[in-house]
Amino acid sequence: MHCFLFHPDKPDPKLKMSSDAWNRLNLISSSERRANGFMAAWCAPCVRELPILARLCDKYENKGLNLIGVSLDISGPSAMQPIVSRLNVNFPVYWVGEKAISQYQIKSIPLLFLVKDGRIVRQIAGKQSEIFLDHQIRKFLE
């Protein structure tokens, strides 16, 4: 059983980094629909999910989906970078390390937050099928 402190319709916390790219990301319009995918290089289900998320990103990009990967690797960005390159991931993946674990109260990964109007409206935790993720994202974009 997964236990999270975040529930649908709670505010989406802003992660702070020194990276200008991440800071610009925090300024995204509140009307934008965003999927934050939390992952780590040592997490086999996370790595297996990357190509699925890439396909869904291609499929729903023109329908307003903005997919962002968030690496939680404690060892730094060098852990996820070769995996992202090898799998030709087509969405940005930012490294935030341990910050996100406490700010988002993350208990398990992979974890996908669907964010609309600055609020987390859906959480999808653990290994999921492509069919299930496709259905959830399609419903989210309706």
N, C-alpha and C. Protein backbone atom coordinates (compact mmCIF):
# COMPACT_ATOMS: atom_id res chain seq x y z
N MET A 1 0.84 -1.18 0.00
CA MET A 1 0.00 0.00 0.00
C MET A 1 0.88 1.24 0.00
N HIS A 2 0.49 2.22 -0.81
CA HIS A 2 1.23 3.48 -0.87
C HIS A 2 0.50 4.53 -0.05
N CYS A 3 1.24 5.31 0.66
CA CYS A 3 0.65 6.39 1.46
C CYS A 3 1.31 7.69 1.05
N PHE A 4 0.52 8.65 0.62
CA PHE A 4 1.03 9.95 0.19
C PHE A 4 0.33 11.05 0.96
N LEU A 5 1.05 12.12 1.20
CA LEU A 5 0.44 13.28 1.83
C LEU A 5 -0.27 14.16 0.83
N PHE A 6 0.05 14.01 -0.46
CA PHE A 6 -0.59 14.82 -1.48
C PHE A 6 -1.85 14.13 -1.97
N HIS A 7 -2.88 14.88 -2.09
CA HIS A 7 -4.16 14.36 -2.56
C HIS A 7 -4.62 15.20 -3.74
N PRO A 8 -5.53 14.71 -4.57
CA PRO A 8 -6.04 15.53 -5.66
C PRO A 8 -6.50 16.88 -5.14
N ASP A 9 -6.27 17.88 -5.97
CA ASP A 9 -6.65 19.27 -5.71
C ASP A 9 -5.80 19.97 -4.66
N LYS A 10 -4.67 19.38 -4.28
CA LYS A 10 -3.72 20.08 -3.42
C LYS A 10 -2.78 20.88 -4.32
N PRO A 11 -2.23 21.99 -3.82
CA PRO A 11 -1.30 22.77 -4.63
C PRO A 11 -0.08 21.95 -5.05
N ASP A 12 0.44 22.28 -6.22
CA ASP A 12 1.65 21.64 -6.75
C ASP A 12 2.85 22.39 -6.17
N PRO A 13 3.63 21.77 -5.28
CA PRO A 13 4.79 22.47 -4.72
C PRO A 13 5.79 22.83 -5.82
N LYS A 14 6.50 23.91 -5.63
CA LYS A 14 7.51 24.34 -6.59
C LYS A 14 8.87 23.87 -6.11
N LEU A 15 9.56 23.16 -6.95
CA LEU A 15 10.91 22.73 -6.62
C LEU A 15 11.87 23.83 -7.02
N LYS A 16 12.80 24.14 -6.19
CA LYS A 16 13.76 25.20 -6.47
C LYS A 16 15.12 24.59 -6.76
N MET A 17 15.74 25.04 -7.83
CA MET A 17 17.08 24.60 -8.20
C MET A 17 17.86 25.82 -8.64
N SER A 18 19.15 25.66 -8.76
CA SER A 18 19.97 26.74 -9.26
C SER A 18 19.88 26.83 -10.78
N SER A 19 19.42 25.79 -11.43
CA SER A 19 19.34 25.76 -12.88
C SER A 19 18.32 26.77 -13.40
N ASP A 20 18.75 27.60 -14.35
CA ASP A 20 17.84 28.56 -14.97
C ASP A 20 16.69 27.84 -15.65
N ALA A 21 16.98 26.69 -16.26
CA ALA A 21 15.92 25.95 -16.95
C ALA A 21 14.83 25.53 -15.98
N TRP A 22 15.22 25.04 -14.81
CA TRP A 22 14.20 24.62 -13.85
C TRP A 22 13.44 25.82 -13.32
N ASN A 23 14.13 26.93 -13.08
CA ASN A 23 13.45 28.13 -12.59
C ASN A 23 12.44 28.63 -13.61
N ARG A 24 12.78 28.58 -14.90
CA ARG A 24 11.82 28.98 -15.93
C ARG A 24 10.63 28.02 -15.93
N LEU A 25 10.90 26.77 -15.67
CA LEU A 25 9.85 25.76 -15.63
C LEU A 25 8.81 26.08 -14.56
N ASN A 26 9.25 26.63 -13.45
CA ASN A 26 8.33 26.99 -12.38
C ASN A 26 7.42 28.15 -12.75
N LEU A 27 7.75 28.86 -13.83
CA LEU A 27 6.95 30.00 -14.25
C LEU A 27 5.91 29.62 -15.29
N ILE A 28 5.74 28.34 -15.55
CA ILE A 28 4.76 27.88 -16.53
C ILE A 28 3.38 28.37 -16.12
N SER A 29 2.62 28.79 -17.12
CA SER A 29 1.25 29.26 -16.90
C SER A 29 0.46 28.25 -16.08
N SER A 30 -0.31 28.76 -15.14
CA SER A 30 -1.08 27.86 -14.28
C SER A 30 -2.16 27.10 -15.04
N SER A 31 -2.46 27.53 -16.26
CA SER A 31 -3.49 26.84 -17.04
C SER A 31 -2.90 25.65 -17.81
N GLU A 32 -1.58 25.52 -17.80
CA GLU A 32 -0.95 24.44 -18.53
C GLU A 32 -1.17 23.09 -17.84
N ARG A 33 -1.35 22.07 -18.65
CA ARG A 33 -1.47 20.71 -18.12
C ARG A 33 -0.10 20.07 -18.19
N ARG A 34 0.32 19.55 -17.08
CA ARG A 34 1.69 19.05 -16.97
C ARG A 34 1.68 17.68 -16.30
N ALA A 35 2.57 16.83 -16.76
CA ALA A 35 2.80 15.54 -16.11
C ALA A 35 4.23 15.54 -15.60
N ASN A 36 4.39 15.40 -14.29
CA ASN A 36 5.71 15.31 -13.68
C ASN A 36 5.99 13.85 -13.38
N GLY A 37 6.97 13.29 -14.05
CA GLY A 37 7.34 11.90 -13.84
C GLY A 37 8.59 11.79 -12.99
N PHE A 38 8.45 11.25 -11.78
CA PHE A 38 9.57 11.10 -10.86
C PHE A 38 10.21 9.74 -11.05
N MET A 39 11.55 9.72 -11.11
CA MET A 39 12.27 8.50 -11.47
C MET A 39 13.68 8.53 -10.91
N ALA A 40 14.37 7.41 -11.05
CA ALA A 40 15.79 7.31 -10.69
C ALA A 40 16.44 6.25 -11.57
N ALA A 41 17.72 6.42 -11.81
CA ALA A 41 18.46 5.50 -12.68
C ALA A 41 18.53 4.09 -12.10
N TRP A 42 18.55 3.96 -10.79
CA TRP A 42 18.66 2.65 -10.14
C TRP A 42 17.33 1.90 -10.10
N CYS A 43 16.26 2.56 -10.51
CA CYS A 43 14.90 2.00 -10.45
C CYS A 43 14.56 1.36 -11.80
N ALA A 44 14.61 0.02 -11.88
CA ALA A 44 14.35 -0.68 -13.14
C ALA A 44 12.97 -0.36 -13.72
N PRO A 45 11.88 -0.32 -12.92
CA PRO A 45 10.59 0.04 -13.50
C PRO A 45 10.58 1.47 -14.06
N CYS A 46 11.33 2.37 -13.45
CA CYS A 46 11.42 3.74 -13.96
C CYS A 46 12.07 3.76 -15.34
N VAL A 47 13.15 3.02 -15.48
CA VAL A 47 13.87 2.97 -16.76
C VAL A 47 12.99 2.33 -17.82
N ARG A 48 12.27 1.27 -17.47
CA ARG A 48 11.36 0.62 -18.43
C ARG A 48 10.20 1.54 -18.82
N GLU A 49 9.83 2.45 -17.93
CA GLU A 49 8.71 3.35 -18.21
C GLU A 49 9.11 4.51 -19.13
N LEU A 50 10.39 4.84 -19.21
CA LEU A 50 10.82 5.98 -20.03
C LEU A 50 10.37 5.89 -21.49
N PRO A 51 10.57 4.76 -22.19
CA PRO A 51 10.10 4.69 -23.58
C PRO A 51 8.57 4.81 -23.69
N ILE A 52 7.86 4.30 -22.71
CA ILE A 52 6.39 4.43 -22.70
C ILE A 52 6.01 5.90 -22.59
N LEU A 53 6.63 6.61 -21.66
CA LEU A 53 6.34 8.03 -21.49
C LEU A 53 6.72 8.81 -22.75
N ALA A 54 7.81 8.43 -23.40
CA ALA A 54 8.21 9.10 -24.64
C ALA A 54 7.15 8.92 -25.73
N ARG A 55 6.61 7.71 -25.86
CA ARG A 55 5.56 7.47 -26.86
C ARG A 55 4.30 8.27 -26.52
N LEU A 56 3.94 8.32 -25.24
CA LEU A 56 2.75 9.08 -24.84
C LEU A 56 2.98 10.57 -25.02
N CYS A 57 4.19 11.02 -24.82
CA CYS A 57 4.53 12.43 -25.05
C CYS A 57 4.31 12.77 -26.53
N ASP A 58 4.79 11.92 -27.42
CA ASP A 58 4.57 12.12 -28.86
C ASP A 58 3.09 12.13 -29.19
N LYS A 59 2.36 11.20 -28.62
CA LYS A 59 0.94 11.05 -28.93
C LYS A 59 0.11 12.23 -28.47
N TYR A 60 0.42 12.79 -27.29
CA TYR A 60 -0.44 13.81 -26.69
C TYR A 60 0.15 15.22 -26.66
N GLU A 61 1.33 15.40 -27.23
CA GLU A 61 1.96 16.72 -27.20
C GLU A 61 1.07 17.78 -27.87
N ASN A 62 0.46 17.45 -28.99
CA ASN A 62 -0.40 18.40 -29.70
C ASN A 62 -1.75 18.59 -29.02
N LYS A 63 -2.03 17.80 -28.00
CA LYS A 63 -3.29 17.94 -27.26
C LYS A 63 -3.08 18.67 -25.94
N GLY A 64 -1.87 19.21 -25.75
CA GLY A 64 -1.62 20.04 -24.58
C GLY A 64 -0.86 19.40 -23.44
N LEU A 65 -0.31 18.20 -23.66
CA LEU A 65 0.45 17.56 -22.58
C LEU A 65 1.88 18.08 -22.56
N ASN A 66 2.33 18.51 -21.41
CA ASN A 66 3.71 18.91 -21.19
C ASN A 66 4.30 17.94 -20.18
N LEU A 67 5.14 17.03 -20.65
CA LEU A 67 5.72 15.99 -19.81
C LEU A 67 7.11 16.40 -19.36
N ILE A 68 7.37 16.26 -18.07
CA ILE A 68 8.65 16.62 -17.49
C ILE A 68 9.13 15.47 -16.63
N GLY A 69 10.34 15.01 -16.87
CA GLY A 69 10.94 13.99 -16.04
C GLY A 69 11.72 14.63 -14.90
N VAL A 70 11.64 14.03 -13.73
CA VAL A 70 12.34 14.55 -12.55
C VAL A 70 13.18 13.42 -11.95
N SER A 71 14.50 13.53 -12.09
CA SER A 71 15.40 12.52 -11.56
C SER A 71 15.67 12.76 -10.08
N LEU A 72 15.50 11.72 -9.30
CA LEU A 72 15.72 11.80 -7.85
C LEU A 72 17.05 11.19 -7.44
N ASP A 73 17.91 10.90 -8.40
CA ASP A 73 19.17 10.24 -8.10
C ASP A 73 20.03 11.06 -7.15
N ILE A 74 20.38 10.48 -6.03
CA ILE A 74 21.19 11.16 -5.02
C ILE A 74 22.61 11.38 -5.54
N SER A 75 23.08 10.50 -6.41
CA SER A 75 24.45 10.59 -6.90
C SER A 75 24.67 11.70 -7.92
N GLY A 76 23.62 12.37 -8.35
CA GLY A 76 23.77 13.49 -9.27
C GLY A 76 23.21 13.20 -10.64
N PRO A 77 23.24 14.21 -11.53
CA PRO A 77 22.64 14.07 -12.85
C PRO A 77 23.35 13.06 -13.74
N SER A 78 24.59 12.73 -13.43
CA SER A 78 25.33 11.79 -14.27
C SER A 78 24.72 10.39 -14.25
N ALA A 79 23.93 10.07 -13.26
CA ALA A 79 23.31 8.74 -13.19
C ALA A 79 22.24 8.55 -14.26
N MET A 80 21.38 9.53 -14.45
CA MET A 80 20.26 9.40 -15.38
C MET A 80 20.64 9.79 -16.81
N GLN A 81 21.62 10.66 -16.96
CA GLN A 81 21.96 11.20 -18.27
C GLN A 81 22.24 10.14 -19.33
N PRO A 82 23.06 9.12 -19.07
CA PRO A 82 23.31 8.12 -20.12
C PRO A 82 22.07 7.31 -20.48
N ILE A 83 21.20 7.09 -19.54
CA ILE A 83 19.96 6.34 -19.81
C ILE A 83 19.05 7.15 -20.71
N VAL A 84 18.89 8.42 -20.40
CA VAL A 84 18.05 9.31 -21.21
C VAL A 84 18.60 9.39 -22.63
N SER A 85 19.91 9.49 -22.77
CA SER A 85 20.54 9.55 -24.10
C SER A 85 20.35 8.23 -24.86
N ARG A 86 20.60 7.12 -24.19
CA ARG A 86 20.50 5.80 -24.84
C ARG A 86 19.09 5.51 -25.33
N LEU A 87 18.10 5.94 -24.56
CA LEU A 87 16.70 5.66 -24.91
C LEU A 87 16.08 6.75 -25.77
N ASN A 88 16.86 7.77 -26.14
CA ASN A 88 16.36 8.89 -26.97
C ASN A 88 15.08 9.49 -26.39
N VAL A 89 15.10 9.79 -25.12
CA VAL A 89 13.93 10.38 -24.45
C VAL A 89 13.66 11.75 -25.06
N ASN A 90 12.40 12.00 -25.41
CA ASN A 90 12.01 13.20 -26.13
C ASN A 90 11.38 14.28 -25.25
N PHE A 91 11.54 14.19 -23.96
CA PHE A 91 11.02 15.21 -23.05
C PHE A 91 12.14 15.57 -22.08
N PRO A 92 12.08 16.77 -21.50
CA PRO A 92 13.16 17.17 -20.59
C PRO A 92 13.14 16.36 -19.30
N VAL A 93 14.33 16.01 -18.83
CA VAL A 93 14.48 15.33 -17.55
C VAL A 93 15.42 16.19 -16.70
N TYR A 94 14.92 16.66 -15.58
CA TYR A 94 15.69 17.52 -14.69
C TYR A 94 16.13 16.72 -13.47
N TRP A 95 17.34 17.00 -13.01
CA TRP A 95 17.83 16.35 -11.80
C TRP A 95 17.56 17.27 -10.62
N VAL A 96 16.92 16.76 -9.60
CA VAL A 96 16.67 17.54 -8.39
C VAL A 96 17.16 16.81 -7.15
N GLY A 97 17.56 15.58 -7.29
CA GLY A 97 18.08 14.84 -6.14
C GLY A 97 17.06 14.68 -5.03
N GLU A 98 17.53 14.77 -3.82
CA GLU A 98 16.69 14.50 -2.65
C GLU A 98 15.65 15.58 -2.38
N LYS A 99 15.81 16.76 -2.96
CA LYS A 99 14.86 17.86 -2.69
C LYS A 99 13.42 17.43 -2.95
N ALA A 100 13.20 16.80 -4.09
CA ALA A 100 11.83 16.44 -4.47
C ALA A 100 11.24 15.39 -3.55
N ILE A 101 12.06 14.52 -3.01
CA ILE A 101 11.56 13.46 -2.14
C ILE A 101 10.83 14.06 -0.94
N SER A 102 11.42 15.05 -0.32
CA SER A 102 10.78 15.66 0.84
C SER A 102 9.68 16.64 0.44
N GLN A 103 9.91 17.43 -0.63
CA GLN A 103 8.90 18.41 -1.01
C GLN A 103 7.61 17.78 -1.52
N TYR A 104 7.73 16.66 -2.20
CA TYR A 104 6.55 15.97 -2.73
C TYR A 104 6.13 14.79 -1.87
N GLN A 105 6.84 14.52 -0.78
CA GLN A 105 6.52 13.40 0.10
C GLN A 105 6.46 12.09 -0.69
N ILE A 106 7.46 11.86 -1.51
CA ILE A 106 7.51 10.69 -2.37
C ILE A 106 7.88 9.45 -1.55
N LYS A 107 7.05 8.43 -1.68
CA LYS A 107 7.25 7.17 -0.97
C LYS A 107 7.67 6.04 -1.89
N SER A 108 7.37 6.16 -3.19
CA SER A 108 7.73 5.12 -4.14
C SER A 108 7.87 5.73 -5.53
N ILE A 109 8.65 5.05 -6.37
CA ILE A 109 8.79 5.45 -7.77
C ILE A 109 8.72 4.19 -8.62
N PRO A 110 8.37 4.32 -9.90
CA PRO A 110 8.04 5.54 -10.61
C PRO A 110 6.74 6.15 -10.09
N LEU A 111 6.67 7.45 -10.25
CA LEU A 111 5.51 8.20 -9.78
C LEU A 111 5.21 9.29 -10.80
N LEU A 112 3.97 9.38 -11.21
CA LEU A 112 3.56 10.39 -12.18
C LEU A 112 2.50 11.26 -11.54
N PHE A 113 2.75 12.56 -11.49
CA PHE A 113 1.75 13.53 -11.02
C PHE A 113 1.17 14.21 -12.24
N LEU A 114 -0.14 14.24 -12.35
CA LEU A 114 -0.82 15.00 -13.39
C LEU A 114 -1.27 16.30 -12.76
N VAL A 115 -0.78 17.42 -13.30
CA VAL A 115 -0.97 18.74 -12.69
C VAL A 115 -1.76 19.62 -13.65
N LYS A 116 -2.83 20.22 -13.13
CA LYS A 116 -3.67 21.13 -13.92
C LYS A 116 -3.99 22.34 -13.06
N ASP A 117 -3.86 23.51 -13.65
CA ASP A 117 -4.14 24.76 -12.94
C ASP A 117 -3.35 24.84 -11.63
N GLY A 118 -2.10 24.36 -11.66
CA GLY A 118 -1.24 24.44 -10.49
C GLY A 118 -1.56 23.46 -9.38
N ARG A 119 -2.44 22.48 -9.66
CA ARG A 119 -2.83 21.52 -8.64
C ARG A 119 -2.60 20.09 -9.14
N ILE A 120 -2.18 19.23 -8.23
CA ILE A 120 -2.03 17.82 -8.56
C ILE A 120 -3.42 17.21 -8.57
N VAL A 121 -3.86 16.77 -9.75
CA VAL A 121 -5.22 16.22 -9.86
C VAL A 121 -5.22 14.69 -9.89
N ARG A 122 -4.06 14.09 -10.13
CA ARG A 122 -3.99 12.62 -10.18
C ARG A 122 -2.57 12.19 -9.89
N GLN A 123 -2.43 11.12 -9.13
CA GLN A 123 -1.13 10.49 -8.87
C GLN A 123 -1.19 9.06 -9.38
N ILE A 124 -0.15 8.65 -10.08
CA ILE A 124 -0.07 7.28 -10.57
C ILE A 124 1.25 6.72 -10.06
N ALA A 125 1.17 5.80 -9.10
CA ALA A 125 2.37 5.28 -8.45
C ALA A 125 2.66 3.86 -8.90
N GLY A 126 3.94 3.54 -9.01
CA GLY A 126 4.36 2.19 -9.30
C GLY A 126 4.33 1.85 -10.78
N LYS A 127 4.73 0.63 -11.07
CA LYS A 127 4.78 0.14 -12.44
C LYS A 127 3.37 0.03 -13.00
N GLN A 128 3.16 0.63 -14.17
CA GLN A 128 1.85 0.60 -14.83
C GLN A 128 2.02 0.21 -16.29
N SER A 129 0.97 -0.32 -16.88
CA SER A 129 1.02 -0.68 -18.29
C SER A 129 0.87 0.57 -19.16
N GLU A 130 1.33 0.45 -20.39
CA GLU A 130 1.17 1.57 -21.33
C GLU A 130 -0.30 1.87 -21.58
N ILE A 131 -1.12 0.84 -21.64
CA ILE A 131 -2.56 1.04 -21.86
C ILE A 131 -3.16 1.84 -20.71
N PHE A 132 -2.81 1.49 -19.48
CA PHE A 132 -3.33 2.21 -18.31
C PHE A 132 -2.88 3.67 -18.32
N LEU A 133 -1.58 3.90 -18.55
CA LEU A 133 -1.07 5.27 -18.56
C LEU A 133 -1.71 6.09 -19.68
N ASP A 134 -1.87 5.47 -20.85
CA ASP A 134 -2.52 6.15 -21.97
C ASP A 134 -3.93 6.57 -21.59
N HIS A 135 -4.67 5.67 -20.98
CA HIS A 135 -6.05 5.97 -20.57
C HIS A 135 -6.09 7.11 -19.56
N GLN A 136 -5.21 7.08 -18.57
CA GLN A 136 -5.19 8.12 -17.54
C GLN A 136 -4.83 9.48 -18.12
N ILE A 137 -3.87 9.52 -19.02
CA ILE A 137 -3.47 10.79 -19.64
C ILE A 137 -4.57 11.30 -20.55
N ARG A 138 -5.20 10.42 -21.30
CA ARG A 138 -6.31 10.83 -22.18
C ARG A 138 -7.44 11.44 -21.36
N LYS A 139 -7.80 10.80 -20.24
CA LYS A 139 -8.84 11.35 -19.36
C LYS A 139 -8.42 12.70 -18.79
N PHE A 140 -7.16 12.82 -18.42
CA PHE A 140 -6.62 14.05 -17.85
C PHE A 140 -6.71 15.21 -18.85
N LEU A 141 -6.53 14.92 -20.12
CA LEU A 141 -6.53 15.98 -21.14
C LEU A 141 -7.92 16.35 -21.63
N GLU A 142 -8.93 15.59 -21.25
CA GLU A 142 -10.31 15.89 -21.71
C GLU A 142 -10.82 17.17 -21.09
